[in-house]
Protein backbone atom coordinates (compact mmCIF):
# COMPACT_ATOMS: atom_id res chain seq x y z
CA MET A 1 6.64 -1.25 -0.44
CA ALA A 2 10.31 -0.99 -1.38
CA ASN A 3 11.06 -4.34 0.22
CA GLY A 4 7.72 -5.94 -0.57
CA GLN A 5 6.91 -9.06 -2.53
CA LEU A 6 5.87 -7.15 -5.66
CA VAL A 7 9.19 -5.30 -5.88
CA LYS A 8 11.07 -8.54 -5.28
CA MET A 9 9.09 -10.19 -8.08
CA LEU A 10 9.79 -7.30 -10.45
CA MET A 11 13.50 -7.51 -9.69
CA TYR A 12 13.52 -11.31 -10.06
CA THR A 13 11.90 -11.12 -13.51
CA GLU A 14 14.26 -8.26 -14.46
CA VAL A 15 11.30 -6.27 -15.76
CA THR A 16 12.77 -3.35 -13.80
CA ARG A 17 15.00 -2.77 -16.83
CA TYR A 18 11.97 -1.20 -18.45
CA LEU A 19 10.55 0.63 -15.43
CA ASP A 20 11.41 3.77 -13.50
CA PHE A 21 10.18 4.22 -9.95
CA LYS A 22 9.73 7.28 -7.80
CA VAL A 23 9.73 7.35 -4.02
CA ILE A 24 6.70 8.96 -2.42
CA GLU A 25 8.58 11.75 -0.68
CA GLY A 26 6.38 12.35 2.31
CA ILE A 27 4.11 10.19 4.45
CA PHE A 28 1.70 12.09 6.66
CA VAL A 29 -1.14 11.37 9.04
CA TYR A 30 -4.13 13.60 9.77
CA LYS A 31 -5.20 13.90 13.39
CA GLY A 32 -6.92 16.54 15.45
CA GLY A 33 -7.23 19.05 12.63
CA LYS A 34 -3.53 18.93 11.70
CA ILE A 35 -1.26 17.01 9.34
CA TYR A 36 1.82 15.37 10.87
CA ILE A 37 4.75 13.79 9.08
CA VAL A 38 5.19 10.07 9.73
CA SER A 39 8.66 9.62 11.19
CA SER A 40 11.01 7.81 8.83
CA THR A 41 14.31 9.15 10.16
CA GLU A 42 15.72 9.62 13.65
CA ALA A 43 15.36 13.40 13.40
CA GLU A 44 11.71 13.12 12.35
CA ALA A 45 11.03 10.67 15.17
CA LEU A 46 12.39 13.12 17.76
CA ALA A 47 10.23 15.89 16.32
CA PHE A 48 7.09 13.78 15.99
CA SER A 49 4.66 15.79 18.07
CA LEU A 50 1.92 13.14 18.13
CA MET A 51 3.92 11.32 20.81
CA GLY A 52 5.22 12.47 24.14
CA LEU A 53 8.77 11.77 25.29
CA LEU A 54 7.89 8.58 27.17
CA GLU A 55 5.74 7.33 24.31
CA LYS A 56 8.62 7.88 21.88
CA ARG A 57 10.88 5.74 24.07
CA ARG A 58 8.30 2.94 24.27
CA PHE A 59 7.63 3.17 20.55
CA ARG A 60 11.34 2.99 19.77
CA LYS A 61 11.66 -0.18 21.90
CA PHE A 62 8.71 -1.64 20.04
CA LEU A 63 10.30 -0.92 16.64
CA VAL A 64 13.62 -2.42 17.75
CA TYR A 65 11.77 -5.53 18.93
CA VAL A 66 9.87 -5.86 15.66
CA ALA A 67 13.02 -5.31 13.56
CA ASN A 68 14.90 -8.00 15.50
CA PHE A 69 12.00 -10.45 15.64
CA ASN A 70 12.73 -13.82 14.04
CA GLU A 71 10.09 -16.53 14.14
CA ASN A 72 12.84 -19.14 13.89
CA ASP A 73 14.77 -17.81 16.88
CA PHE A 74 12.91 -18.05 20.19
CA HIS A 75 15.52 -15.80 21.83
CA THR A 76 13.91 -12.87 20.00
CA PHE A 77 10.39 -13.65 21.25
CA GLU A 78 10.82 -11.90 24.63
CA GLY A 79 7.87 -13.76 26.09
CA ILE A 80 5.67 -13.52 23.00
CA ASN A 81 4.43 -16.70 21.36
CA PRO A 82 4.02 -15.82 17.65
CA LYS A 83 1.53 -18.65 17.13
CA LYS A 84 -0.71 -17.80 20.08
CA ASN A 85 -0.26 -14.13 20.96
CA THR A 86 -2.03 -11.50 18.89
CA MET A 87 -0.75 -8.13 17.78
CA ARG A 88 -2.83 -6.59 20.55
CA ASP A 89 -0.74 -8.60 23.03
CA VAL A 90 2.45 -7.20 21.52
CA TYR A 91 1.20 -3.63 21.84
CA LYS A 92 0.24 -4.31 25.45
CA LYS A 93 3.71 -5.68 26.19
CA PHE A 94 5.24 -2.33 25.24
CA ASP A 95 2.46 -0.33 26.92
CA LEU A 96 1.65 1.59 23.75
CA SER A 97 -1.25 4.04 23.95
CA GLN A 98 -4.30 3.76 21.70
CA ASP A 99 -3.11 6.75 19.64
CA VAL A 100 0.23 5.06 19.00
CA ILE A 101 -1.52 1.79 18.16
CA ASP A 102 -3.76 3.57 15.65
CA PHE A 103 -0.76 5.37 14.18
CA THR A 104 1.26 2.16 13.87
CA GLY A 105 -1.50 0.09 12.34
CA HIS A 106 -2.95 2.65 9.94
CA ALA A 107 -0.10 5.07 9.15
CA LEU A 108 2.87 2.69 9.14
CA VAL A 109 1.52 -0.58 7.79
CA LEU A 110 -1.65 0.86 6.22
CA TYR A 111 -4.26 -1.50 7.64
CA ARG A 112 -7.76 -0.30 6.76
CA THR A 113 -9.44 -1.90 9.76
CA ASP A 114 -8.48 -3.04 13.25
CA ASP A 115 -8.98 -6.71 12.39
CA TYR A 116 -5.20 -7.19 12.36
CA LEU A 117 -5.11 -6.67 16.14
CA ALA A 118 -6.42 -10.20 16.57
CA GLN A 119 -3.83 -11.62 14.17
CA PRO A 120 -0.04 -12.04 14.32
CA CYS A 121 1.33 -9.38 11.99
CA HIS A 122 4.98 -9.01 12.93
CA GLU A 123 6.07 -9.49 9.34
CA SER A 124 3.91 -6.61 8.08
CA ILE A 125 5.41 -4.11 10.52
CA LYS A 126 8.89 -5.54 10.02
CA LEU A 127 8.42 -4.98 6.31
CA TYR A 128 8.19 -1.25 6.95
CA THR A 129 11.30 -1.13 9.12
CA GLU A 130 13.27 -3.18 6.58
CA SER A 131 12.20 -0.95 3.73
CA LEU A 132 13.43 2.32 5.22
CA PRO A 133 17.20 1.89 4.76
CA THR A 134 16.93 0.79 1.12
CA ARG A 135 18.63 2.26 -1.91
CA TYR A 136 15.33 3.84 -2.93
CA GLY A 137 15.44 6.56 -0.30
CA LYS A 138 13.98 7.33 3.10
CA SER A 139 10.40 6.42 2.20
CA PRO A 140 9.35 2.76 1.94
CA TYR A 141 6.66 3.50 -0.65
CA LEU A 142 7.40 3.35 -4.38
CA TYR A 143 5.28 4.32 -7.37
CA PRO A 144 5.96 3.85 -11.10
CA LEU A 145 7.25 7.18 -12.42
CA TYR A 146 4.71 7.30 -15.23
CA GLY A 147 1.84 5.56 -13.48
CA LEU A 148 0.65 2.01 -12.91
CA GLY A 149 0.15 1.54 -16.65
CA GLU A 150 3.91 1.13 -16.90
CA LEU A 151 3.73 -2.27 -15.18
CA PRO A 152 1.92 -4.16 -17.97
CA GLN A 153 3.97 -2.30 -20.57
CA GLY A 154 7.17 -3.39 -18.86
CA PHE A 155 6.07 -7.01 -18.91
CA ALA A 156 5.01 -6.63 -22.54
CA ARG A 157 8.54 -5.54 -23.46
CA LEU A 158 10.04 -8.37 -21.45
CA SER A 159 7.64 -10.85 -23.02
CA ALA A 160 8.58 -9.69 -26.53
CA ILE A 161 12.16 -10.81 -25.92
CA TYR A 162 10.91 -14.37 -25.45
CA GLY A 163 8.50 -14.30 -28.39
CA GLY A 164 5.43 -13.03 -26.59
CA THR A 165 2.79 -10.85 -28.25
CA TYR A 166 1.08 -7.83 -26.71
CA MET A 167 -2.28 -7.12 -28.33
CA LEU A 168 -4.45 -4.05 -27.78
CA ASN A 169 -8.06 -3.41 -28.78
CA LYS A 170 -8.62 -7.12 -29.33
CA PRO A 171 -12.26 -8.23 -28.86
CA ILE A 172 -12.87 -11.08 -26.42
CA GLU A 173 -15.54 -13.42 -27.78
CA GLU A 174 -15.31 -16.16 -25.19
CA ILE A 175 -13.29 -17.42 -22.28
CA VAL A 176 -12.86 -21.12 -23.01
CA ILE A 177 -13.58 -23.37 -20.04
CA GLU A 178 -12.78 -27.10 -20.02
CA ASN A 179 -13.65 -29.35 -17.06
CA GLY A 180 -14.39 -26.30 -14.94
CA LYS A 181 -10.98 -24.69 -15.57
CA VAL A 182 -9.87 -21.97 -17.95
CA ALA A 183 -8.27 -23.31 -21.12
CA GLY A 184 -7.95 -20.24 -23.32
CA VAL A 185 -9.38 -17.04 -24.75
CA LYS A 186 -11.25 -16.90 -28.07
CA SER A 187 -10.91 -13.78 -30.22
CA GLU A 188 -11.94 -13.33 -33.85
CA GLY A 189 -12.18 -17.07 -34.37
CA GLU A 190 -8.76 -17.83 -32.87
CA ILE A 191 -8.06 -19.38 -29.48
CA ALA A 192 -5.04 -18.50 -27.37
CA CYS A 193 -4.55 -21.41 -24.96
CA CYS A 194 -3.55 -20.86 -21.35
CA LYS A 195 -3.53 -22.49 -17.92
CA GLN A 196 -4.14 -19.26 -16.00
CA LEU A 197 -5.99 -16.09 -16.92
CA ILE A 198 -5.79 -12.70 -15.23
CA CYS A 199 -8.67 -10.45 -16.24
CA ASP A 200 -11.07 -7.76 -15.14
CA PRO A 201 -14.02 -9.13 -13.12
CA SER A 202 -16.40 -7.80 -15.78
CA TYR A 203 -15.27 -10.61 -18.10
CA VAL A 204 -16.39 -13.31 -15.66
CA PRO A 205 -19.28 -11.86 -13.62
CA ASP A 206 -20.56 -15.35 -12.76
CA ARG A 207 -17.25 -16.24 -11.11
CA VAL A 208 -16.77 -13.23 -8.86
CA LYS A 209 -18.28 -12.28 -5.53
CA LYS A 210 -19.03 -8.70 -4.55
CA VAL A 211 -17.56 -7.90 -1.14
CA GLY A 212 -17.90 -4.12 -1.01
CA ASN A 213 -18.07 -0.79 -2.83
CA VAL A 214 -15.43 1.84 -3.55
CA ILE A 215 -16.12 5.52 -4.16
CA ARG A 216 -13.30 7.40 -5.82
CA VAL A 217 -12.62 11.11 -6.38
CA ILE A 218 -9.72 12.77 -8.20
CA CYS A 219 -9.20 16.47 -7.40
CA VAL A 220 -6.89 19.16 -8.76
CA LEU A 221 -5.87 21.34 -5.83
CA HIS A 222 -3.15 23.54 -4.42
CA PRO A 223 -0.21 22.04 -2.49
CA ILE A 224 -1.41 20.85 0.90
CA LYS A 225 -0.32 22.77 3.97
CA ASN A 226 2.22 21.28 6.39
CA THR A 227 3.57 18.74 3.87
CA ASN A 228 7.02 20.36 3.72
CA ASN A 229 6.70 21.18 0.00
CA ALA A 230 6.93 17.49 -0.89
CA ASN A 231 6.50 16.83 -4.61
CA SER A 232 4.48 13.72 -3.82
CA CYS A 233 3.04 12.42 -0.59
CA GLN A 234 0.69 10.00 1.05
CA ILE A 235 -1.75 11.22 3.69
CA ILE A 236 -3.64 8.89 5.98
CA ILE A 237 -7.09 10.12 7.02
CA THR A 238 -8.52 7.08 8.80
CA ILE A 239 -8.18 5.18 5.51
CA VAL A 240 -5.41 5.43 2.90
CA THR A 241 -5.38 8.59 0.84
CA CYS A 242 -2.76 8.93 -1.92
CA PRO A 243 -2.30 12.29 -3.61
CA ILE A 244 0.34 12.12 -6.34
CA SER A 245 1.73 15.39 -7.73
CA LEU A 246 1.76 15.50 -11.52
CA ALA A 247 1.89 19.20 -12.41
CA THR A 248 3.83 22.30 -11.35
CA GLY A 249 1.88 24.43 -8.91
CA ALA A 250 -1.08 22.07 -8.65
CA TRP A 251 -1.71 18.69 -7.11
CA ILE A 252 -3.92 15.81 -8.13
CA ASP A 253 -5.61 14.28 -5.11
CA ASP A 254 -6.75 10.70 -5.65
CA ILE A 255 -9.13 9.62 -2.86
CA SER A 256 -10.54 6.13 -2.67
CA ILE A 257 -12.74 4.81 0.11
CA ARG A 258 -14.19 1.38 0.59
CA PHE A 259 -17.54 2.07 2.17
CA GLU A 260 -20.21 0.05 3.89
CA MET A 261 -22.03 3.00 5.37
CA ILE A 262 -24.83 5.24 4.11
CA GLY A 263 -23.89 8.56 2.50
CA PRO A 264 -20.38 7.99 1.10
CA ARG A 265 -20.45 11.42 -0.56
CA LYS A 266 -20.52 13.03 2.88
CA VAL A 267 -17.35 11.11 3.78
CA ILE A 268 -15.65 12.26 0.57
CA LYS A 269 -16.62 15.90 1.25
CA LEU A 270 -15.17 15.60 4.75
CA ASN A 271 -11.85 14.28 3.41
CA ILE A 272 -11.67 17.03 0.78
CA TYR A 273 -12.36 19.61 3.51
CA TYR A 274 -9.33 18.35 5.46
CA LEU A 275 -7.08 18.96 2.45
CA THR A 276 -8.26 22.46 1.52
């Protein structure tokens, strides 16, 4: 998110000097056999055919309320107690239909489940509204221009300025633990001391807990219909789907699904069918 914590951290550390970002040009939602653009401008909101005229008015009032909401100013509560009322209560206050609720939760703030309905989540939706009028463009979603691999490389360059060392293809012999806490990493007889360690779960299988499975498919396909010739876009099909365009005339579709059901391949085939 353009106004999210990660972007703020990157700007604070000034690692952005070594990074280039690209705005995901289009955000779309799949519903009823069609792909619709997620409204990010006033013109798009007026043309958003997933909502009727009255729903658009109610939805606009909801967005204004969320944008003005301040947990430290009770005048902005409008009868909502942020510590007691749930997000479902907020939707009910503005008489939003189930379709609009689904659209808001899954297409705007990208929740994967409906668990958030029982939780106060004003800040998450406000994050979207705050991100729209940024210097990055009309979309609130950013992506490193040359992929996520640029993030560690950017920090490696920043670290080098302060005497840090970036090592590749270095074998890990042991993660040193003292008194139940990480103390360093041993490699080729040498120990690099540390107080915190960020690593892949495969390095510490005895310290991780499996909470689910992810099936992932990357496809090369033609530009997707009804996406307004966007060079890059994000399409929501129940869960988050992020195709990123990397070549002229062809798209790479990166689908990831966290599944708890039987037959995940059938779900993947269904998603691919929607995009072809």
